[in-house]
Protein backbone atom coordinates (compact mmCIF):
# COMPACT_ATOMS: atom_id res chain seq x y z
CA MET A 1 122.78 85.63 108.73
CA ASN A 2 124.94 87.08 111.44
CA MET A 3 125.06 90.83 110.28
CA MET A 4 125.88 92.19 113.85
CA SER A 5 129.15 93.73 114.52
CA SER A 6 131.93 93.26 117.07
CA THR A 7 129.52 94.30 119.95
CA ALA A 8 127.67 91.41 119.96
CA SER A 9 128.03 89.53 123.42
CA PRO A 10 129.15 85.95 123.02
CA GLU A 11 125.56 84.39 124.62
CA LEU A 12 123.34 85.48 121.99
CA THR A 13 122.74 83.18 118.95
CA VAL A 14 122.79 84.30 115.53
CA PHE A 15 119.27 85.32 115.10
CA GLU A 16 119.48 87.06 118.26
CA GLU A 17 122.44 89.15 117.03
CA ASP A 18 120.83 90.15 114.06
CA ALA A 19 117.70 91.02 115.68
CA LEU A 20 119.60 93.17 117.82
CA ALA A 21 121.38 94.83 115.36
CA LEU A 22 117.91 95.59 113.22
CA THR A 23 116.21 96.24 116.73
CA GLN A 24 119.57 99.02 117.30
CA ALA A 25 119.51 100.51 113.91
CA ALA A 26 115.74 101.28 114.18
CA LEU A 27 116.06 102.90 117.48
CA GLU A 28 119.18 104.86 116.05
CA ILE A 29 117.12 106.23 113.03
CA SER A 30 114.00 107.05 115.44
CA ARG A 31 115.92 109.07 117.77
CA ALA A 32 118.18 110.70 115.25
CA PHE A 33 114.65 112.01 113.33
CA GLU A 34 113.04 113.02 116.80
CA SER A 35 116.19 114.85 117.76
CA LYS A 36 116.14 117.19 114.41
CA ASP A 37 119.84 116.08 114.24
CA GLU A 38 120.32 115.85 110.73
CA ARG A 39 123.96 114.51 110.89
CA ARG A 40 123.14 111.68 113.32
CA LEU A 41 119.95 111.10 111.25
CA ALA A 42 122.52 110.74 108.02
CA ALA A 43 124.73 108.38 110.07
CA ALA A 44 121.95 106.17 111.14
CA LEU A 45 120.07 106.12 107.85
CA ASP A 46 123.54 104.90 106.50
CA ARG A 47 124.27 102.35 108.73
CA ASN A 48 120.79 101.23 108.17
CA LEU A 49 121.27 100.93 104.28
CA GLN A 50 124.75 99.19 105.00
CA LEU A 51 122.73 96.57 107.24
CA TRP A 52 120.39 95.96 104.68
CA VAL A 53 122.89 95.65 101.44
CA GLY A 54 124.54 92.99 103.64
CA ILE A 55 121.16 91.39 104.17
CA ARG A 56 120.95 91.47 100.36
CA THR A 57 124.45 90.25 100.01
CA LEU A 58 124.05 86.93 102.34
CA VAL A 59 120.49 86.21 101.12
CA SER A 60 121.80 86.36 97.49
CA ALA A 61 124.60 83.83 97.70
CA ALA A 62 123.96 80.43 95.98
CA SER A 63 124.60 78.72 99.23
CA ASN A 64 122.60 80.58 101.33
CA PRO A 65 119.93 77.87 102.93
CA LEU A 66 116.84 80.06 103.33
CA PRO A 67 113.99 78.81 100.88
CA MET A 68 113.62 81.03 97.79
CA PRO A 69 110.23 82.92 99.47
CA ILE A 70 112.12 84.06 102.18
CA LYS A 71 115.48 85.09 100.25
CA ASP A 72 112.81 87.27 97.86
CA ASN A 73 111.06 88.90 100.42
CA LEU A 74 114.43 89.91 101.99
CA ILE A 75 115.69 91.01 98.95
CA ARG A 76 112.38 93.12 98.28
CA LEU A 77 112.55 94.48 101.55
CA SER A 78 116.23 95.53 100.85
CA SER A 79 115.38 97.59 97.99
CA PHE A 80 112.76 99.46 99.62
CA VAL A 81 114.82 100.35 102.08
CA ALA A 82 117.48 101.52 99.90
CA GLN A 83 114.37 103.56 98.01
CA LYS A 84 112.90 105.07 101.42
CA THR A 85 116.90 105.78 102.35
CA PHE A 86 117.64 107.61 98.84
CA GLU A 87 114.23 109.48 98.99
CA MET A 88 115.29 111.16 102.17
CA GLN A 89 117.88 113.18 100.82
CA ASN A 90 115.65 115.76 99.98
CA GLY A 91 114.64 115.50 103.49
CA ALA A 92 113.28 113.02 106.48
CA ASN A 93 109.57 112.65 106.78
CA ALA A 94 108.08 110.83 109.90
CA LYS A 95 106.11 108.60 107.95
CA THR A 96 109.07 107.26 105.92
CA ILE A 97 111.25 107.21 108.83
CA GLU A 98 108.38 105.09 110.77
CA ALA A 99 108.15 102.62 107.71
CA LEU A 100 112.02 101.87 107.98
CA ALA A 101 112.08 101.55 111.67
CA ASN A 102 108.85 99.19 111.70
CA THR A 103 110.59 97.35 108.67
CA ASN A 104 113.75 96.61 110.88
CA LEU A 105 111.65 95.64 113.85
CA GLN A 106 109.31 93.37 111.67
CA ILE A 107 111.96 91.46 110.55
CA SER A 108 113.69 91.44 114.05
CA GLU A 109 110.68 89.73 115.38
CA GLY A 110 110.72 87.22 112.96
CA LEU A 111 114.23 86.34 113.57
CA LEU A 112 113.04 86.18 117.16
CA ASP A 113 109.87 83.95 116.37
CA LYS A 114 112.63 81.74 114.31
CA ARG A 115 115.17 81.30 116.99
CA SER A 116 112.30 79.81 119.77
CA HIS A 117 110.70 77.15 117.43
């Protein structure tokens, strides 16, 4: 997919870059929430949402070689992330922050598993 920004190390594979981007976004969200810094949290949530919009765009492309069930799951997850992000406009809560971070971490883990096969 390659959703990573220009900060990626040249030694990383595409899957590792994507996994790193998702992991970094999860950590940003968690740390911002824990610090009770609303601006930092809003920025972290925005970056995460942009990442997931990118994922959705990439997997929705007709030329994307991923199997349809994986595409469908990633599109559903993208919608979930957007919904949870917009819900937090009325205030963040630990359960939603945890759900967003865990979603990123699980997909990151899946990308790294795919890389190792």
